[in-house]
């Protein structure tokens, strides 16, 4: 398999920084990489543009950027919550006979990090690693609804409300109304808003600081579920969400709508 030289070099530059070398001059990097300063400068500017490298304005030296911290936190968060959530996902799928997902937020999107497939009906649109919109998915709504109004405003600044189906919410005003409903009920719904024929129920998962760290959902074909089933699923989902949050160190006993 061919190696992309520029990418290989950029990653090697990142590897030069450690606890003993937190800042490096461009000449240091050039010497260690055995590359001309102009080449190193171009690589650094590219990494700097994407916030993986930052430059100290006082001495001109380079150091690792906050983007690495952000991405590292996503990796740590997803590993921790995924391992702890596994038993709850399988139990939910077994008790409901439906497909169950675990999703975390990354910027203005959600990412599927785990999935337990239904024994009766396969949900084709979802797969581990796939990204999902926040505005038209149950998990997206659950991830957003229990954040602060300021955080929600930041997330949806310049957000594009892409229409996925005839039921998709396509503007911020209606979405914010939906958020208030979710906060009252304690769970979110996707009524064929992301995928035709698929209904989804979702609740947030909280970490040890009581912040939303992920969301669990139950997805099912709309034609194969009745309202009495929905009531049962919501009860099971809320119970699983509370137990998982407590397992992750969240100390709350009750949450509005739970």
C-alpha atoms as a PDB file:
ATOM      1  CA  UNK A   1       0.000   0.000   0.000  1.00  0.00           C
ATOM      2  CA  UNK A   2       1.527   3.371  -1.000  1.00  0.00           C
ATOM      3  CA  UNK A   3       2.373   5.914   1.702  1.00  0.00           C
ATOM      4  CA  UNK A   4       1.325   9.543   1.242  1.00  0.00           C
ATOM      5  CA  UNK A   5       4.602  11.306   1.939  1.00  0.00           C
ATOM      6  CA  UNK A   6       3.265  14.671   3.079  1.00  0.00           C
ATOM      7  CA  UNK A   7       0.807  13.054   5.490  1.00  0.00           C
ATOM      8  CA  UNK A   8       3.514  10.720   6.793  1.00  0.00           C
ATOM      9  CA  UNK A   9       5.781  13.694   7.443  1.00  0.00           C
ATOM     10  CA  UNK A  10       3.048  15.704   9.166  1.00  0.00           C
ATOM     11  CA  UNK A  11       2.264  12.826  11.535  1.00  0.00           C
ATOM     12  CA  UNK A  12       5.961  12.364  12.302  1.00  0.00           C
ATOM     13  CA  UNK A  13       6.163  16.051  13.222  1.00  0.00           C
ATOM     14  CA  UNK A  14       3.365  15.562  15.756  1.00  0.00           C
ATOM     15  CA  UNK A  15       5.286  12.604  17.205  1.00  0.00           C
ATOM     16  CA  UNK A  16       8.294  14.841  17.910  1.00  0.00           C
ATOM     17  CA  UNK A  17       6.430  16.523  20.768  1.00  0.00           C
ATOM     18  CA  UNK A  18       6.337  14.840  24.188  1.00  0.00           C
ATOM     19  CA  UNK A  19       6.563  15.728  27.862  1.00  0.00           C
ATOM     20  CA  UNK A  20      10.265  16.560  27.411  1.00  0.00           C
ATOM     21  CA  UNK A  21       9.833  18.546  24.199  1.00  0.00           C
ATOM     22  CA  UNK A  22       6.609  20.540  24.567  1.00  0.00           C
ATOM     23  CA  UNK A  23       7.859  23.330  22.298  1.00  0.00           C
ATOM     24  CA  UNK A  24      10.193  23.162  19.308  1.00  0.00           C
ATOM     25  CA  UNK A  25      11.751  25.714  16.968  1.00  0.00           C
ATOM     26  CA  UNK A  26      11.365  25.217  13.253  1.00  0.00           C
ATOM     27  CA  UNK A  27      15.124  24.554  13.046  1.00  0.00           C
ATOM     28  CA  UNK A  28      14.795  21.798  15.673  1.00  0.00           C
ATOM     29  CA  UNK A  29      12.008  20.152  13.679  1.00  0.00           C
ATOM     30  CA  UNK A  30      13.955  20.555  10.436  1.00  0.00           C
ATOM     31  CA  UNK A  31      17.026  18.887  11.937  1.00  0.00           C
ATOM     32  CA  UNK A  32      15.083  16.010  13.492  1.00  0.00           C
ATOM     33  CA  UNK A  33      13.097  15.383  10.296  1.00  0.00           C
ATOM     34  CA  UNK A  34      16.129  15.833   7.999  1.00  0.00           C
ATOM     35  CA  UNK A  35      14.031  18.192   5.889  1.00  0.00           C
ATOM     36  CA  UNK A  36      14.605  21.681   4.502  1.00  0.00           C
ATOM     37  CA  UNK A  37      13.102  24.485   6.587  1.00  0.00           C
ATOM     38  CA  UNK A  38      10.804  25.577   3.752  1.00  0.00           C
ATOM     39  CA  UNK A  39       9.279  22.088   3.580  1.00  0.00           C
ATOM     40  CA  UNK A  40       8.827  21.958   7.343  1.00  0.00           C
ATOM     41  CA  UNK A  41       7.306  25.445   7.313  1.00  0.00           C
ATOM     42  CA  UNK A  42       4.647  24.351   4.795  1.00  0.00           C
ATOM     43  CA  UNK A  43       3.809  21.274   6.842  1.00  0.00           C
ATOM     44  CA  UNK A  44       3.553  23.320  10.040  1.00  0.00           C
ATOM     45  CA  UNK A  45       1.312  25.911   8.409  1.00  0.00           C
ATOM     46  CA  UNK A  46      -1.033  23.146   7.238  1.00  0.00           C
ATOM     47  CA  UNK A  47      -1.158  21.606  10.718  1.00  0.00           C
ATOM     48  CA  UNK A  48      -1.627  25.070  12.193  1.00  0.00           C
ATOM     49  CA  UNK A  49      -4.538  25.797   9.868  1.00  0.00           C
ATOM     50  CA  UNK A  50      -6.356  22.750  11.249  1.00  0.00           C
ATOM     51  CA  UNK A  51      -5.342  23.578  14.865  1.00  0.00           C
ATOM     52  CA  UNK A  52      -3.194  20.475  15.359  1.00  0.00           C
ATOM     53  CA  UNK A  53      -0.159  22.731  15.841  1.00  0.00           C
ATOM     54  CA  UNK A  54      -0.005  26.183  17.454  1.00  0.00           C
ATOM     55  CA  UNK A  55       2.770  28.770  17.541  1.00  0.00           C
ATOM     56  CA  UNK A  56       3.836  30.640  20.648  1.00  0.00           C
ATOM     57  CA  UNK A  57       3.747  34.347  19.654  1.00  0.00           C
ATOM     58  CA  UNK A  58       6.358  35.248  22.280  1.00  0.00           C
ATOM     59  CA  UNK A  59       9.188  32.971  21.168  1.00  0.00           C
ATOM     60  CA  UNK A  60       8.035  31.669  17.774  1.00  0.00           C
ATOM     61  CA  UNK A  61       8.224  28.048  18.899  1.00  0.00           C
ATOM     62  CA  UNK A  62       5.585  25.468  17.968  1.00  0.00           C
ATOM     63  CA  UNK A  63       3.567  23.233  20.274  1.00  0.00           C
ATOM     64  CA  UNK A  64       0.687  20.780  19.961  1.00  0.00           C
ATOM     65  CA  UNK A  65      -2.729  22.338  19.382  1.00  0.00           C
ATOM     66  CA  UNK A  66      -6.045  21.986  21.160  1.00  0.00           C
ATOM     67  CA  UNK A  67      -7.515  19.978  18.292  1.00  0.00           C
ATOM     68  CA  UNK A  68      -5.477  16.981  19.461  1.00  0.00           C
ATOM     69  CA  UNK A  69      -6.892  17.412  22.954  1.00  0.00           C
ATOM     70  CA  UNK A  70     -10.436  17.539  21.549  1.00  0.00           C
ATOM     71  CA  UNK A  71      -9.974  14.458  19.387  1.00  0.00           C
ATOM     72  CA  UNK A  72      -8.236  12.584  22.206  1.00  0.00           C
ATOM     73  CA  UNK A  73     -11.185  13.278  24.476  1.00  0.00           C
ATOM     74  CA  UNK A  74     -13.572  11.895  21.859  1.00  0.00           C
ATOM     75  CA  UNK A  75     -11.527   8.678  21.693  1.00  0.00           C
ATOM     76  CA  UNK A  76     -11.331   8.308  25.472  1.00  0.00           C
ATOM     77  CA  UNK A  77     -14.997   9.150  25.909  1.00  0.00           C
ATOM     78  CA  UNK A  78     -16.160   6.719  23.248  1.00  0.00           C
ATOM     79  CA  UNK A  79     -14.065   3.862  24.620  1.00  0.00           C
ATOM     80  CA  UNK A  80     -15.229   4.358  28.195  1.00  0.00           C
ATOM     81  CA  UNK A  81     -18.922   4.748  27.479  1.00  0.00           C
ATOM     82  CA  UNK A  82     -18.951   1.956  24.900  1.00  0.00           C
ATOM     83  CA  UNK A  83     -17.487  -0.646  27.228  1.00  0.00           C
ATOM     84  CA  UNK A  84     -19.790   0.314  30.104  1.00  0.00           C
ATOM     85  CA  UNK A  85     -22.890   0.584  27.895  1.00  0.00           C
ATOM     86  CA  UNK A  86     -22.543  -2.809  26.216  1.00  0.00           C
ATOM     87  CA  UNK A  87     -24.663  -4.776  28.690  1.00  0.00           C
ATOM     88  CA  UNK A  88     -27.465  -2.186  28.602  1.00  0.00           C
ATOM     89  CA  UNK A  89     -27.595  -2.170  24.813  1.00  0.00           C
ATOM     90  CA  UNK A  90     -27.911  -5.938  24.626  1.00  0.00           C
ATOM     91  CA  UNK A  91     -30.554  -5.990  27.375  1.00  0.00           C
ATOM     92  CA  UNK A  92     -32.616  -3.315  25.614  1.00  0.00           C
ATOM     93  CA  UNK A  93     -32.442  -5.130  22.293  1.00  0.00           C
ATOM     94  CA  UNK A  94     -33.406  -8.411  23.938  1.00  0.00           C
ATOM     95  CA  UNK A  95     -36.329  -6.896  25.861  1.00  0.00           C
ATOM     96  CA  UNK A  96     -37.720  -4.971  22.870  1.00  0.00           C
ATOM     97  CA  UNK A  97     -36.661  -7.106  19.914  1.00  0.00           C
ATOM     98  CA  UNK A  98     -35.507  -3.886  18.223  1.00  0.00           C
ATOM     99  CA  UNK A  99     -32.219  -2.366  17.052  1.00  0.00           C
ATOM    100  CA  UNK A 100     -30.385  -0.351  19.711  1.00  0.00           C
ATOM    101  CA  UNK A 101     -27.711   2.303  19.127  1.00  0.00           C
ATOM    102  CA  UNK A 102     -25.132   4.194  21.151  1.00  0.00           C
ATOM    103  CA  UNK A 103     -24.125   7.598  19.759  1.00  0.00           C
ATOM    104  CA  UNK A 104     -21.784  10.378  20.853  1.00  0.00           C
ATOM    105  CA  UNK A 105     -21.595  13.963  19.644  1.00  0.00           C
ATOM    106  CA  UNK A 106     -18.703  15.280  17.580  1.00  0.00           C
ATOM    107  CA  UNK A 107     -19.189  18.952  16.767  1.00  0.00           C
ATOM    108  CA  UNK A 108     -22.378  19.453  14.778  1.00  0.00           C
ATOM    109  CA  UNK A 109     -22.959  15.725  14.179  1.00  0.00           C
ATOM    110  CA  UNK A 110     -23.472  12.470  16.038  1.00  0.00           C
ATOM    111  CA  UNK A 111     -21.355   9.334  15.546  1.00  0.00           C
ATOM    112  CA  UNK A 112     -22.591   5.767  15.970  1.00  0.00           C
ATOM    113  CA  UNK A 113     -20.106   4.018  18.252  1.00  0.00           C
ATOM    114  CA  UNK A 114     -22.085   0.840  18.924  1.00  0.00           C
ATOM    115  CA  UNK A 115     -25.106  -1.027  17.592  1.00  0.00           C
ATOM    116  CA  UNK A 116     -27.022  -4.155  18.558  1.00  0.00           C
ATOM    117  CA  UNK A 117     -29.070  -5.418  15.622  1.00  0.00           C
ATOM    118  CA  UNK A 118     -32.692  -6.443  15.953  1.00  0.00           C
ATOM    119  CA  UNK A 119     -33.551 -10.111  15.591  1.00  0.00           C
ATOM    120  CA  UNK A 120     -36.662  -9.229  13.612  1.00  0.00           C
ATOM    121  CA  UNK A 121     -35.937  -6.208  11.413  1.00  0.00           C
ATOM    122  CA  UNK A 122     -32.600  -4.837  10.238  1.00  0.00           C
ATOM    123  CA  UNK A 123     -32.023  -1.080  10.327  1.00  0.00           C
ATOM    124  CA  UNK A 124     -29.842  -0.555   7.276  1.00  0.00           C
ATOM    125  CA  UNK A 125     -29.023   3.161   7.480  1.00  0.00           C
ATOM    126  CA  UNK A 126     -26.941   2.901  10.667  1.00  0.00           C
ATOM    127  CA  UNK A 127     -23.483   1.449  11.136  1.00  0.00           C
ATOM    128  CA  UNK A 128     -20.678   1.945  13.654  1.00  0.00           C
ATOM    129  CA  UNK A 129     -18.550   4.932  12.651  1.00  0.00           C
ATOM    130  CA  UNK A 130     -21.221   6.566  10.533  1.00  0.00           C
ATOM    131  CA  UNK A 131     -22.157  10.180  11.234  1.00  0.00           C
ATOM    132  CA  UNK A 132     -25.749  11.294  11.709  1.00  0.00           C
ATOM    133  CA  UNK A 133     -27.392  14.757  11.683  1.00  0.00           C
ATOM    134  CA  UNK A 134     -28.420  16.256  15.012  1.00  0.00           C
ATOM    135  CA  UNK A 135     -31.646  17.941  13.899  1.00  0.00           C
ATOM    136  CA  UNK A 136     -33.530  14.989  12.414  1.00  0.00           C
ATOM    137  CA  UNK A 137     -32.450  12.000  14.499  1.00  0.00           C
ATOM    138  CA  UNK A 138     -33.669  10.827  17.881  1.00  0.00           C
ATOM    139  CA  UNK A 139     -30.116  10.460  19.159  1.00  0.00           C
ATOM    140  CA  UNK A 140     -29.167  13.893  17.841  1.00  0.00           C
ATOM    141  CA  UNK A 141     -32.079  15.531  19.611  1.00  0.00           C
ATOM    142  CA  UNK A 142     -31.310  13.656  22.840  1.00  0.00           C
ATOM    143  CA  UNK A 143     -27.671  14.734  22.700  1.00  0.00           C
ATOM    144  CA  UNK A 144     -28.672  18.383  22.276  1.00  0.00           C
ATOM    145  CA  UNK A 145     -31.805  18.851  24.384  1.00  0.00           C
ATOM    146  CA  UNK A 146     -30.212  18.612  27.823  1.00  0.00           C
ATOM    147  CA  UNK A 147     -27.333  20.955  27.093  1.00  0.00           C
ATOM    148  CA  UNK A 148     -27.475  24.636  28.069  1.00  0.00           C
ATOM    149  CA  UNK A 149     -29.225  27.163  25.850  1.00  0.00           C
ATOM    150  CA  UNK A 150     -25.841  28.816  25.200  1.00  0.00           C
ATOM    151  CA  UNK A 151     -24.302  25.534  24.047  1.00  0.00           C
ATOM    152  CA  UNK A 152     -27.286  24.840  21.799  1.00  0.00           C
ATOM    153  CA  UNK A 153     -27.022  28.311  20.273  1.00  0.00           C
ATOM    154  CA  UNK A 154     -23.323  27.761  19.518  1.00  0.00           C
ATOM    155  CA  UNK A 155     -23.933  24.367  17.927  1.00  0.00           C
ATOM    156  CA  UNK A 156     -26.699  25.625  15.665  1.00  0.00           C
ATOM    157  CA  UNK A 157     -25.002  28.826  14.558  1.00  0.00           C
ATOM    158  CA  UNK A 158     -24.752  28.551  10.746  1.00  0.00           C
ATOM    159  CA  UNK A 159     -26.209  25.040  10.957  1.00  0.00           C
ATOM    160  CA  UNK A 160     -27.814  23.652   7.808  1.00  0.00           C
ATOM    161  CA  UNK A 161     -31.185  22.005   8.459  1.00  0.00           C
ATOM    162  CA  UNK A 162     -31.058  19.567   5.550  1.00  0.00           C
ATOM    163  CA  UNK A 163     -34.394  17.982   4.676  1.00  0.00           C
ATOM    164  CA  UNK A 164     -34.023  14.189   4.795  1.00  0.00           C
ATOM    165  CA  UNK A 165     -37.705  13.211   4.595  1.00  0.00           C
ATOM    166  CA  UNK A 166     -41.110  14.875   4.444  1.00  0.00           C
ATOM    167  CA  UNK A 167     -41.142  14.942   8.277  1.00  0.00           C
ATOM    168  CA  UNK A 168     -37.754  16.579   8.812  1.00  0.00           C
ATOM    169  CA  UNK A 169     -37.622  19.775  10.886  1.00  0.00           C
ATOM    170  CA  UNK A 170     -36.037  22.338   8.569  1.00  0.00           C
ATOM    171  CA  UNK A 171     -35.595  25.497  10.660  1.00  0.00           C
ATOM    172  CA  UNK A 172     -34.139  26.537  14.000  1.00  0.00           C
ATOM    173  CA  UNK A 173     -37.385  27.937  15.441  1.00  0.00           C
ATOM    174  CA  UNK A 174     -39.293  24.652  15.098  1.00  0.00           C
ATOM    175  CA  UNK A 175     -36.273  22.717  16.314  1.00  0.00           C
ATOM    176  CA  UNK A 176     -36.040  24.779  19.507  1.00  0.00           C
ATOM    177  CA  UNK A 177     -39.742  24.122  20.141  1.00  0.00           C
ATOM    178  CA  UNK A 178     -39.004  20.417  19.753  1.00  0.00           C
ATOM    179  CA  UNK A 179     -36.171  20.741  22.290  1.00  0.00           C
ATOM    180  CA  UNK A 180     -38.579  22.134  24.891  1.00  0.00           C
ATOM    181  CA  UNK A 181     -40.950  19.204  24.344  1.00  0.00           C
ATOM    182  CA  UNK A 182     -38.070  16.748  24.768  1.00  0.00           C
ATOM    183  CA  UNK A 183     -37.020  18.395  28.015  1.00  0.00           C
ATOM    184  CA  UNK A 184     -40.557  18.008  29.340  1.00  0.00           C
ATOM    185  CA  UNK A 185     -40.887  14.352  28.305  1.00  0.00           C
ATOM    186  CA  UNK A 186     -37.329  13.291  29.126  1.00  0.00           C
ATOM    187  CA  UNK A 187     -36.827  11.509  25.807  1.00  0.00           C
ATOM    188  CA  UNK A 188     -36.553  12.338  22.114  1.00  0.00           C
ATOM    189  CA  UNK A 189     -38.368  10.954  19.089  1.00  0.00           C
ATOM    190  CA  UNK A 190     -37.581  10.671  15.406  1.00  0.00           C
ATOM    191  CA  UNK A 191     -40.843  10.176  13.554  1.00  0.00           C
ATOM    192  CA  UNK A 192     -39.458   9.111  10.177  1.00  0.00           C
ATOM    193  CA  UNK A 193     -37.483  12.365  10.083  1.00  0.00           C
ATOM    194  CA  UNK A 194     -34.124  10.869   9.124  1.00  0.00           C
ATOM    195  CA  UNK A 195     -35.108   7.680   7.292  1.00  0.00           C
ATOM    196  CA  UNK A 196     -38.511   6.898   5.735  1.00  0.00           C
ATOM    197  CA  UNK A 197     -40.312   4.105   7.565  1.00  0.00           C
ATOM    198  CA  UNK A 198     -38.060   4.204  10.645  1.00  0.00           C
ATOM    199  CA  UNK A 199     -39.160   5.480  14.048  1.00  0.00           C
ATOM    200  CA  UNK A 200     -36.662   6.126  16.822  1.00  0.00           C
ATOM    201  CA  UNK A 201     -36.805   6.775  20.578  1.00  0.00           C
ATOM    202  CA  UNK A 202     -33.758   8.114  22.410  1.00  0.00           C
ATOM    203  CA  UNK A 203     -32.535   9.290  25.807  1.00  0.00           C
ATOM    204  CA  UNK A 204     -29.330  11.067  26.864  1.00  0.00           C
ATOM    205  CA  UNK A 205     -26.568   9.471  28.919  1.00  0.00           C
ATOM    206  CA  UNK A 206     -24.773  11.607  31.537  1.00  0.00           C
ATOM    207  CA  UNK A 207     -21.212  11.332  32.836  1.00  0.00           C
ATOM    208  CA  UNK A 208     -19.751  11.924  36.306  1.00  0.00           C
ATOM    209  CA  UNK A 209     -20.163  15.689  35.885  1.00  0.00           C
ATOM    210  CA  UNK A 210     -23.847  15.212  34.890  1.00  0.00           C
ATOM    211  CA  UNK A 211     -23.064  16.463  31.380  1.00  0.00           C
ATOM    212  CA  UNK A 212     -24.497  14.665  28.368  1.00  0.00           C
ATOM    213  CA  UNK A 213     -21.842  12.233  27.142  1.00  0.00           C
ATOM    214  CA  UNK A 214     -23.893  10.159  24.698  1.00  0.00           C
ATOM    215  CA  UNK A 215     -27.335   8.908  23.744  1.00  0.00           C
ATOM    216  CA  UNK A 216     -29.031   5.515  23.494  1.00  0.00           C
ATOM    217  CA  UNK A 217     -31.774   4.840  20.986  1.00  0.00           C
ATOM    218  CA  UNK A 218     -34.252   2.172  19.995  1.00  0.00           C
ATOM    219  CA  UNK A 219     -34.971   2.123  16.250  1.00  0.00           C
ATOM    220  CA  UNK A 220     -37.823   0.237  14.627  1.00  0.00           C
ATOM    221  CA  UNK A 221     -39.934   0.060  11.466  1.00  0.00           C
ATOM    222  CA  UNK A 222     -42.902   2.389  11.962  1.00  0.00           C
ATOM    223  CA  UNK A 223     -45.381  -0.120  10.537  1.00  0.00           C
ATOM    224  CA  UNK A 224     -44.420  -2.808  13.046  1.00  0.00           C
ATOM    225  CA  UNK A 225     -44.919  -0.881  16.273  1.00  0.00           C
ATOM    226  CA  UNK A 226     -48.022   0.152  18.215  1.00  0.00           C
ATOM    227  CA  UNK A 227     -48.448   2.939  20.746  1.00  0.00           C
ATOM    228  CA  UNK A 228     -48.587   0.474  23.644  1.00  0.00           C
ATOM    229  CA  UNK A 229     -45.174  -0.782  22.534  1.00  0.00           C
ATOM    230  CA  UNK A 230     -43.840   2.789  22.542  1.00  0.00           C
ATOM    231  CA  UNK A 231     -44.880   3.288  26.166  1.00  0.00           C
ATOM    232  CA  UNK A 232     -43.080   0.092  27.142  1.00  0.00           C
ATOM    233  CA  UNK A 233     -39.958   1.009  25.166  1.00  0.00           C
ATOM    234  CA  UNK A 234     -39.774   4.494  26.697  1.00  0.00           C
ATOM    235  CA  UNK A 235     -39.942   3.015  30.207  1.00  0.00           C
ATOM    236  CA  UNK A 236     -37.167   0.525  29.431  1.00  0.00           C
ATOM    237  CA  UNK A 237     -35.085   3.185  27.709  1.00  0.00           C
ATOM    238  CA  UNK A 238     -35.304   5.654  30.591  1.00  0.00           C
ATOM    239  CA  UNK A 239     -34.400   2.947  33.080  1.00  0.00           C
ATOM    240  CA  UNK A 240     -31.364   1.920  31.022  1.00  0.00           C
ATOM    241  CA  UNK A 241     -30.294   5.544  30.580  1.00  0.00           C
ATOM    242  CA  UNK A 242     -30.495   6.257  34.299  1.00  0.00           C
ATOM    243  CA  UNK A 243     -28.608   3.086  35.236  1.00  0.00           C
ATOM    244  CA  UNK A 244     -25.909   3.673  32.631  1.00  0.00           C
ATOM    245  CA  UNK A 245     -25.475   7.303  33.714  1.00  0.00           C
ATOM    246  CA  UNK A 246     -25.098   6.211  37.329  1.00  0.00           C
ATOM    247  CA  UNK A 247     -22.586   3.550  36.235  1.00  0.00           C
ATOM    248  CA  UNK A 248     -20.577   6.339  34.570  1.00  0.00           C
ATOM    249  CA  UNK A 249     -20.528   8.217  37.869  1.00  0.00           C
ATOM    250  CA  UNK A 250     -23.467  10.569  37.476  1.00  0.00           C
ATOM    251  CA  UNK A 251     -24.902  11.286  40.910  1.00  0.00           C
ATOM    252  CA  UNK A 252     -28.341  12.518  39.871  1.00  0.00           C
ATOM    253  CA  UNK A 253     -31.315  10.595  41.207  1.00  0.00           C
ATOM    254  CA  UNK A 254     -33.932  12.203  39.023  1.00  0.00           C
ATOM    255  CA  UNK A 255     -33.896  14.220  35.829  1.00  0.00           C
ATOM    256  CA  UNK A 256     -36.832  16.166  34.467  1.00  0.00           C
ATOM    257  CA  UNK A 257     -39.064  13.723  32.676  1.00  0.00           C
ATOM    258  CA  UNK A 258     -37.297  10.633  34.075  1.00  0.00           C
END
